[in-house]
Amino acid sequence: MSALIGYAERKGLDLGLVGWVKNTSKGTVVGQVQGPRNLVNEMKVWLSKEGSPFCRISRADFKNERKIPKLELFGFSTRF
């Protein structure tokens, strides 16, 4: 894996999703993920149970979920 691509970004790309993730100064992760419901759900499970090998997951909250008629984003990236 490239050092410039984070684990969550790689997972999103591997699943064919679009969106972004970002680590916050509070030690949490925020982001937006779009794609087919089953693949978004797979990403949510990965984020809440596995994540990167260096993280400790104590809780996962997913908010503002909605159905969209078409993708609003392009690609999958890590924001800084």
PDB file of N, CA and C in Angstrom:
ATOM      1  N   MET A   1       0.842  -1.174   0.000  1.00  0.00           N
ATOM      2  CA  MET A   1       0.000   0.000   0.000  1.00  0.00           C
ATOM      3  C   MET A   1       0.886   1.236   0.000  1.00  0.00           C
ATOM      4  N   SER A   2       0.536   2.189  -0.806  1.00  0.00           N
ATOM      5  CA  SER A   2       1.279   3.441  -0.838  1.00  0.00           C
ATOM      6  C   SER A   2       1.177   4.130   0.507  1.00  0.00           C
ATOM      7  N   ALA A   3       2.255   4.763   0.930  1.00  0.00           N
ATOM      8  CA  ALA A   3       2.251   5.485   2.198  1.00  0.00           C
ATOM      9  C   ALA A   3       1.294   6.669   2.160  1.00  0.00           C
ATOM     10  N   LEU A   4       0.948   7.148   0.978  1.00  0.00           N
ATOM     11  CA  LEU A   4       0.057   8.293   0.860  1.00  0.00           C
ATOM     12  C   LEU A   4      -1.420   7.908   0.893  1.00  0.00           C
ATOM     13  N   ILE A   5      -1.713   6.646   0.777  1.00  0.00           N
ATOM     14  CA  ILE A   5      -3.101   6.200   0.785  1.00  0.00           C
ATOM     15  C   ILE A   5      -3.377   5.511   2.113  1.00  0.00           C
ATOM     16  N   GLY A   6      -4.345   6.038   2.861  1.00  0.00           N
ATOM     17  CA  GLY A   6      -4.695   5.459   4.146  1.00  0.00           C
ATOM     18  C   GLY A   6      -5.515   4.191   3.983  1.00  0.00           C
ATOM     19  N   TYR A   7      -5.648   3.466   5.062  1.00  0.00           N
ATOM     20  CA  TYR A   7      -6.377   2.202   5.037  1.00  0.00           C
ATOM     21  C   TYR A   7      -7.849   2.395   4.685  1.00  0.00           C
ATOM     22  N   ALA A   8      -8.495   3.417   5.249  1.00  0.00           N
ATOM     23  CA  ALA A   8      -9.909   3.658   4.942  1.00  0.00           C
ATOM     24  C   ALA A   8     -10.084   4.071   3.486  1.00  0.00           C
ATOM     25  N   GLU A   9      -9.157   4.883   2.994  1.00  0.00           N
ATOM     26  CA  GLU A   9      -9.221   5.284   1.585  1.00  0.00           C
ATOM     27  C   GLU A   9      -9.082   4.059   0.686  1.00  0.00           C
ATOM     28  N   ARG A  10      -8.128   3.194   0.988  1.00  0.00           N
ATOM     29  CA  ARG A  10      -7.912   1.977   0.191  1.00  0.00           C
ATOM     30  C   ARG A  10      -9.159   1.097   0.227  1.00  0.00           C
ATOM     31  N   LYS A  11      -9.784   0.948   1.398  1.00  0.00           N
ATOM     32  CA  LYS A  11     -10.989   0.120   1.514  1.00  0.00           C
ATOM     33  C   LYS A  11     -12.109   0.706   0.657  1.00  0.00           C
ATOM     34  N   GLY A  12     -12.300   2.024   0.725  1.00  0.00           N
ATOM     35  CA  GLY A  12     -13.323   2.672  -0.093  1.00  0.00           C
ATOM     36  C   GLY A  12     -13.079   2.466  -1.574  1.00  0.00           C
ATOM     37  N   LEU A  13     -11.829   2.625  -1.994  1.00  0.00           N
ATOM     38  CA  LEU A  13     -11.482   2.413  -3.404  1.00  0.00           C
ATOM     39  C   LEU A  13     -11.695   0.958  -3.810  1.00  0.00           C
ATOM     40  N   ASP A  14     -11.269   0.032  -2.951  1.00  0.00           N
ATOM     41  CA  ASP A  14     -11.442  -1.398  -3.253  1.00  0.00           C
ATOM     42  C   ASP A  14     -12.913  -1.770  -3.412  1.00  0.00           C
ATOM     43  N   LEU A  15     -13.782  -1.125  -2.635  1.00  0.00           N
ATOM     44  CA  LEU A  15     -15.220  -1.406  -2.719  1.00  0.00           C
ATOM     45  C   LEU A  15     -15.888  -0.653  -3.872  1.00  0.00           C
ATOM     46  N   GLY A  16     -15.169   0.268  -4.505  1.00  0.00           N
ATOM     47  CA  GLY A  16     -15.747   1.047  -5.598  1.00  0.00           C
ATOM     48  C   GLY A  16     -16.652   2.161  -5.119  1.00  0.00           C
ATOM     49  N   LEU A  17     -16.450   2.609  -3.882  1.00  0.00           N
ATOM     50  CA  LEU A  17     -17.262   3.684  -3.322  1.00  0.00           C
ATOM     51  C   LEU A  17     -16.634   5.033  -3.657  1.00  0.00           C
ATOM     52  N   VAL A  18     -17.394   6.090  -3.473  1.00  0.00           N
ATOM     53  CA  VAL A  18     -16.867   7.440  -3.593  1.00  0.00           C
ATOM     54  C   VAL A  18     -17.047   8.133  -2.253  1.00  0.00           C
ATOM     55  N   GLY A  19     -16.183   9.100  -1.978  1.00  0.00           N
ATOM     56  CA  GLY A  19     -16.306   9.841  -0.741  1.00  0.00           C
ATOM     57  C   GLY A  19     -14.969  10.264  -0.190  1.00  0.00           C
ATOM     58  N   TRP A  20     -14.921  10.503   1.113  1.00  0.00           N
ATOM     59  CA  TRP A  20     -13.710  10.954   1.762  1.00  0.00           C
ATOM     60  C   TRP A  20     -13.748  10.593   3.243  1.00  0.00           C
ATOM     61  N   VAL A  21     -12.581  10.562   3.842  1.00  0.00           N
ATOM     62  CA  VAL A  21     -12.435  10.366   5.290  1.00  0.00           C
ATOM     63  C   VAL A  21     -11.385  11.345   5.794  1.00  0.00           C
ATOM     64  N   LYS A  22     -11.486  11.688   7.079  1.00  0.00           N
ATOM     65  CA  LYS A  22     -10.540  12.628   7.672  1.00  0.00           C
ATOM     66  C   LYS A  22     -10.395  12.331   9.152  1.00  0.00           C
ATOM     67  N   ASN A  23      -9.164  12.293   9.631  1.00  0.00           N
ATOM     68  CA  ASN A  23      -8.909  12.185  11.061  1.00  0.00           C
ATOM     69  C   ASN A  23      -9.080  13.568  11.674  1.00  0.00           C
ATOM     70  N   THR A  24      -9.711  13.625  12.836  1.00  0.00           N
ATOM     71  CA  THR A  24      -9.896  14.906  13.506  1.00  0.00           C
ATOM     72  C   THR A  24      -8.870  15.074  14.624  1.00  0.00           C
ATOM     73  N   SER A  25      -8.763  16.277  15.118  1.00  0.00           N
ATOM     74  CA  SER A  25      -7.844  16.551  16.227  1.00  0.00           C
ATOM     75  C   SER A  25      -8.302  15.894  17.524  1.00  0.00           C
ATOM     76  N   LYS A  26      -9.555  15.450  17.573  1.00  0.00           N
ATOM     77  CA  LYS A  26     -10.090  14.778  18.757  1.00  0.00           C
ATOM     78  C   LYS A  26      -9.851  13.272  18.739  1.00  0.00           C
ATOM     79  N   GLY A  27      -9.147  12.795  17.716  1.00  0.00           N
ATOM     80  CA  GLY A  27      -8.874  11.364  17.619  1.00  0.00           C
ATOM     81  C   GLY A  27     -10.018  10.561  17.024  1.00  0.00           C
ATOM     82  N   THR A  28     -10.930  11.249  16.341  1.00  0.00           N
ATOM     83  CA  THR A  28     -12.043  10.572  15.683  1.00  0.00           C
ATOM     84  C   THR A  28     -11.858  10.652  14.172  1.00  0.00           C
ATOM     85  N   VAL A  29     -12.749  10.003  13.457  1.00  0.00           N
ATOM     86  CA  VAL A  29     -12.737  10.035  11.998  1.00  0.00           C
ATOM     87  C   VAL A  29     -14.101  10.517  11.534  1.00  0.00           C
ATOM     88  N   VAL A  30     -14.104  11.435  10.581  1.00  0.00           N
ATOM     89  CA  VAL A  30     -15.337  11.890   9.951  1.00  0.00           C
ATOM     90  C   VAL A  30     -15.214  11.627   8.457  1.00  0.00           C
ATOM     91  N   GLY A  31     -16.340  11.629   7.778  1.00  0.00           N
ATOM     92  CA  GLY A  31     -16.272  11.430   6.346  1.00  0.00           C
ATOM     93  C   GLY A  31     -17.637  11.324   5.710  1.00  0.00           C
ATOM     94  N   GLN A  32     -17.611  11.076   4.435  1.00  0.00           N
ATOM     95  CA  GLN A  32     -18.827  10.873   3.652  1.00  0.00           C
ATOM     96  C   GLN A  32     -18.557   9.747   2.678  1.00  0.00           C
ATOM     97  N   VAL A  33     -19.500   8.814   2.597  1.00  0.00           N
ATOM     98  CA  VAL A  33     -19.357   7.652   1.716  1.00  0.00           C
ATOM     99  C   VAL A  33     -20.627   7.523   0.886  1.00  0.00           C
ATOM    100  N   GLN A  34     -20.461   7.303  -0.415  1.00  0.00           N
ATOM    101  CA  GLN A  34     -21.601   7.113  -1.305  1.00  0.00           C
ATOM    102  C   GLN A  34     -21.363   5.901  -2.192  1.00  0.00           C
ATOM    103  N   GLY A  35     -22.441   5.218  -2.504  1.00  0.00           N
ATOM    104  CA  GLY A  35     -22.388   4.059  -3.380  1.00  0.00           C
ATOM    105  C   GLY A  35     -23.575   3.160  -3.118  1.00  0.00           C
ATOM    106  N   PRO A  36     -23.573   1.979  -3.722  1.00  0.00           N
ATOM    107  CA  PRO A  36     -24.667   1.032  -3.490  1.00  0.00           C
ATOM    108  C   PRO A  36     -24.778   0.694  -1.999  1.00  0.00           C
ATOM    109  N   ARG A  37     -26.001   0.595  -1.524  1.00  0.00           N
ATOM    110  CA  ARG A  37     -26.260   0.386  -0.091  1.00  0.00           C
ATOM    111  C   ARG A  37     -25.468  -0.782   0.479  1.00  0.00           C
ATOM    112  N   ASN A  38     -25.415  -1.908  -0.221  1.00  0.00           N
ATOM    113  CA  ASN A  38     -24.717  -3.077   0.322  1.00  0.00           C
ATOM    114  C   ASN A  38     -23.225  -2.802   0.496  1.00  0.00           C
ATOM    115  N   LEU A  39     -22.628  -2.031  -0.411  1.00  0.00           N
ATOM    116  CA  LEU A  39     -21.208  -1.722  -0.298  1.00  0.00           C
ATOM    117  C   LEU A  39     -20.950  -0.659   0.762  1.00  0.00           C
ATOM    118  N   VAL A  40     -21.850   0.304   0.879  1.00  0.00           N
ATOM    119  CA  VAL A  40     -21.739   1.290   1.960  1.00  0.00           C
ATOM    120  C   VAL A  40     -21.844   0.574   3.304  1.00  0.00           C
ATOM    121  N   ASN A  41     -22.770  -0.379   3.409  1.00  0.00           N
ATOM    122  CA  ASN A  41     -22.903  -1.149   4.654  1.00  0.00           C
ATOM    123  C   ASN A  41     -21.636  -1.950   4.949  1.00  0.00           C
ATOM    124  N   GLU A  42     -21.012  -2.495   3.918  1.00  0.00           N
ATOM    125  CA  GLU A  42     -19.762  -3.230   4.114  1.00  0.00           C
ATOM    126  C   GLU A  42     -18.672  -2.289   4.637  1.00  0.00           C
ATOM    127  N   MET A  43     -18.627  -1.080   4.114  1.00  0.00           N
ATOM    128  CA  MET A  43     -17.659  -0.091   4.586  1.00  0.00           C
ATOM    129  C   MET A  43     -17.941   0.286   6.037  1.00  0.00           C
ATOM    130  N   LYS A  44     -19.207   0.438   6.380  1.00  0.00           N
ATOM    131  CA  LYS A  44     -19.575   0.776   7.754  1.00  0.00           C
ATOM    132  C   LYS A  44     -19.147  -0.318   8.725  1.00  0.00           C
ATOM    133  N   VAL A  45     -19.336  -1.563   8.346  1.00  0.00           N
ATOM    134  CA  VAL A  45     -18.898  -2.672   9.190  1.00  0.00           C
ATOM    135  C   VAL A  45     -17.387  -2.630   9.348  1.00  0.00           C
ATOM    136  N   TRP A  46     -16.672  -2.417   8.264  1.00  0.00           N
ATOM    137  CA  TRP A  46     -15.213  -2.352   8.320  1.00  0.00           C
ATOM    138  C   TRP A  46     -14.758  -1.213   9.227  1.00  0.00           C
ATOM    139  N   LEU A  47     -15.382  -0.038   9.074  1.00  0.00           N
ATOM    140  CA  LEU A  47     -15.014   1.107   9.894  1.00  0.00           C
ATOM    141  C   LEU A  47     -15.312   0.884  11.370  1.00  0.00           C
ATOM    142  N   SER A  48     -16.391   0.176  11.678  1.00  0.00           N
ATOM    143  CA  SER A  48     -16.785   0.000  13.079  1.00  0.00           C
ATOM    144  C   SER A  48     -16.150  -1.204  13.754  1.00  0.00           C
ATOM    145  N   LYS A  49     -15.642  -2.154  12.991  1.00  0.00           N
ATOM    146  CA  LYS A  49     -15.106  -3.384  13.583  1.00  0.00           C
ATOM    147  C   LYS A  49     -13.611  -3.597  13.343  1.00  0.00           C
ATOM    148  N   GLU A  50     -13.101  -3.132  12.207  1.00  0.00           N
ATOM    149  CA  GLU A  50     -11.726  -3.438  11.837  1.00  0.00           C
ATOM    150  C   GLU A  50     -10.871  -2.173  11.746  1.00  0.00           C
ATOM    151  N   GLY A  51     -11.103  -1.335  10.763  1.00  0.00           N
ATOM    152  CA  GLY A  51     -10.316  -0.123  10.600  1.00  0.00           C
ATOM    153  C   GLY A  51      -8.858  -0.428  10.291  1.00  0.00           C
ATOM    154  N   SER A  52      -8.017   0.577  10.438  1.00  0.00           N
ATOM    155  CA  SER A  52      -6.593   0.371  10.171  1.00  0.00           C
ATOM    156  C   SER A  52      -5.982  -0.448  11.302  1.00  0.00           C
ATOM    157  N   PRO A  53      -4.867  -1.112  11.027  1.00  0.00           N
ATOM    158  CA  PRO A  53      -4.258  -1.951  12.067  1.00  0.00           C
ATOM    159  C   PRO A  53      -3.753  -1.145  13.267  1.00  0.00           C
ATOM    160  N   PHE A  54      -3.647   0.164  13.138  1.00  0.00           N
ATOM    161  CA  PHE A  54      -3.097   0.985  14.212  1.00  0.00           C
ATOM    162  C   PHE A  54      -4.165   1.721  15.015  1.00  0.00           C
ATOM    163  N   CYS A  55      -5.427   1.496  14.706  1.00  0.00           N
ATOM    164  CA  CYS A  55      -6.476   2.241  15.395  1.00  0.00           C
ATOM    165  C   CYS A  55      -7.122   1.404  16.502  1.00  0.00           C
ATOM    166  N   ARG A  56      -7.750   2.109  17.410  1.00  0.00           N
ATOM    167  CA  ARG A  56      -8.546   1.471  18.456  1.00  0.00           C
ATOM    168  C   ARG A  56      -9.962   2.019  18.299  1.00  0.00           C
ATOM    169  N   ILE A  57     -10.892   1.156  18.012  1.00  0.00           N
ATOM    170  CA  ILE A  57     -12.275   1.575  17.771  1.00  0.00           C
ATOM    171  C   ILE A  57     -13.091   1.314  19.030  1.00  0.00           C
ATOM    172  N   SER A  58     -13.630   2.368  19.592  1.00  0.00           N
ATOM    173  CA  SER A  58     -14.468   2.193  20.778  1.00  0.00           C
ATOM    174  C   SER A  58     -15.946   2.387  20.446  1.00  0.00           C
ATOM    175  N   ARG A  59     -16.227   3.117  19.365  1.00  0.00           N
ATOM    176  CA  ARG A  59     -17.618   3.382  18.997  1.00  0.00           C
ATOM    177  C   ARG A  59     -17.645   3.889  17.563  1.00  0.00           C
ATOM    178  N   ALA A  60     -18.715   3.605  16.863  1.00  0.00           N
ATOM    179  CA  ALA A  60     -18.913   4.131  15.513  1.00  0.00           C
ATOM    180  C   ALA A  60     -20.330   4.686  15.406  1.00  0.00           C
ATOM    181  N   ASP A  61     -20.436   5.934  15.049  1.00  0.00           N
ATOM    182  CA  ASP A  61     -21.729   6.592  14.853  1.00  0.00           C
ATOM    183  C   ASP A  61     -21.834   7.014  13.396  1.00  0.00           C
ATOM    184  N   PHE A  62     -22.906   6.616  12.759  1.00  0.00           N
ATOM    185  CA  PHE A  62     -23.151   6.994  11.370  1.00  0.00           C
ATOM    186  C   PHE A  62     -24.398   7.852  11.356  1.00  0.00           C
ATOM    187  N   LYS A  63     -24.281   9.047  10.813  1.00  0.00           N
ATOM    188  CA  LYS A  63     -25.380  10.018  10.861  1.00  0.00           C
ATOM    189  C   LYS A  63     -25.684  10.556   9.473  1.00  0.00           C
ATOM    190  N   ASN A  64     -26.836  11.199   9.386  1.00  0.00           N
ATOM    191  CA  ASN A  64     -27.242  11.895   8.161  1.00  0.00           C
ATOM    192  C   ASN A  64     -27.300  10.970   6.949  1.00  0.00           C
ATOM    193  N   GLU A  65     -27.707   9.732   7.174  1.00  0.00           N
ATOM    194  CA  GLU A  65     -27.821   8.803   6.049  1.00  0.00           C
ATOM    195  C   GLU A  65     -29.071   9.125   5.242  1.00  0.00           C
ATOM    196  N   ARG A  66     -28.920   9.058   3.936  1.00  0.00           N
ATOM    197  CA  ARG A  66     -30.060   9.312   3.055  1.00  0.00           C
ATOM    198  C   ARG A  66     -29.831   8.628   1.723  1.00  0.00           C
ATOM    199  N   LYS A  67     -30.912   8.370   1.042  1.00  0.00           N
ATOM    200  CA  LYS A  67     -30.846   7.789  -0.295  1.00  0.00           C
ATOM    201  C   LYS A  67     -30.670   8.934  -1.289  1.00  0.00           C
ATOM    202  N   ILE A  68     -29.756   8.758  -2.238  1.00  0.00           N
ATOM    203  CA  ILE A  68     -29.532   9.784  -3.253  1.00  0.00           C
ATOM    204  C   ILE A  68     -29.772   9.185  -4.633  1.00  0.00           C
ATOM    205  N   PRO A  69     -30.299   9.982  -5.571  1.00  0.00           N
ATOM    206  CA  PRO A  69     -30.597   9.455  -6.902  1.00  0.00           C
ATOM    207  C   PRO A  69     -29.346   9.165  -7.728  1.00  0.00           C
ATOM    208  N   LYS A  70     -28.259   9.923  -7.493  1.00  0.00           N
ATOM    209  CA  LYS A  70     -27.007   9.676  -8.203  1.00  0.00           C
ATOM    210  C   LYS A  70     -25.853  10.137  -7.316  1.00  0.00           C
ATOM    211  N   LEU A  71     -24.678   9.618  -7.586  1.00  0.00           N
ATOM    212  CA  LEU A  71     -23.506   9.968  -6.784  1.00  0.00           C
ATOM    213  C   LEU A  71     -23.212  11.456  -6.898  1.00  0.00           C
ATOM    214  N   GLU A  72     -22.862  12.060  -5.769  1.00  0.00           N
ATOM    215  CA  GLU A  72     -22.567  13.486  -5.741  1.00  0.00           C
ATOM    216  C   GLU A  72     -21.063  13.772  -5.663  1.00  0.00           C
ATOM    217  N   LEU A  73     -20.277  12.732  -5.473  1.00  0.00           N
ATOM    218  CA  LEU A  73     -18.831  12.870  -5.326  1.00  0.00           C
ATOM    219  C   LEU A  73     -18.123  12.036  -6.382  1.00  0.00           C
ATOM    220  N   PHE A  74     -16.817  12.250  -6.492  1.00  0.00           N
ATOM    221  CA  PHE A  74     -16.011  11.496  -7.446  1.00  0.00           C
ATOM    222  C   PHE A  74     -14.760  11.011  -6.733  1.00  0.00           C
ATOM    223  N   GLY A  75     -14.427   9.731  -6.886  1.00  0.00           N
ATOM    224  CA  GLY A  75     -13.231   9.188  -6.250  1.00  0.00           C
ATOM    225  C   GLY A  75     -13.397   8.973  -4.763  1.00  0.00           C
ATOM    226  N   PHE A  76     -12.343   8.527  -4.134  1.00  0.00           N
ATOM    227  CA  PHE A  76     -12.340   8.342  -2.681  1.00  0.00           C
ATOM    228  C   PHE A  76     -10.993   8.824  -2.177  1.00  0.00           C
ATOM    229  N   SER A  77     -11.006   9.716  -1.204  1.00  0.00           N
ATOM    230  CA  SER A  77      -9.754  10.320  -0.763  1.00  0.00           C
ATOM    231  C   SER A  77      -9.678  10.471   0.746  1.00  0.00           C
ATOM    232  N   THR A  78      -8.470  10.724   1.199  1.00  0.00           N
ATOM    233  CA  THR A  78      -8.235  11.082   2.587  1.00  0.00           C
ATOM    234  C   THR A  78      -7.998  12.585   2.608  1.00  0.00           C
ATOM    235  N   ARG A  79      -8.739  13.268   3.457  1.00  0.00           N
ATOM    236  CA  ARG A  79      -8.566  14.724   3.573  1.00  0.00           C
ATOM    237  C   ARG A  79      -7.693  15.014   4.789  1.00  0.00           C
ATOM    238  N   PHE A  80      -6.992  16.116   4.710  1.00  0.00           N
ATOM    239  CA  PHE A  80      -6.099  16.509   5.801  1.00  0.00           C
ATOM    240  C   PHE A  80      -6.460  17.884   6.316  1.00  0.00           C
TER     241      PHE A  80
END
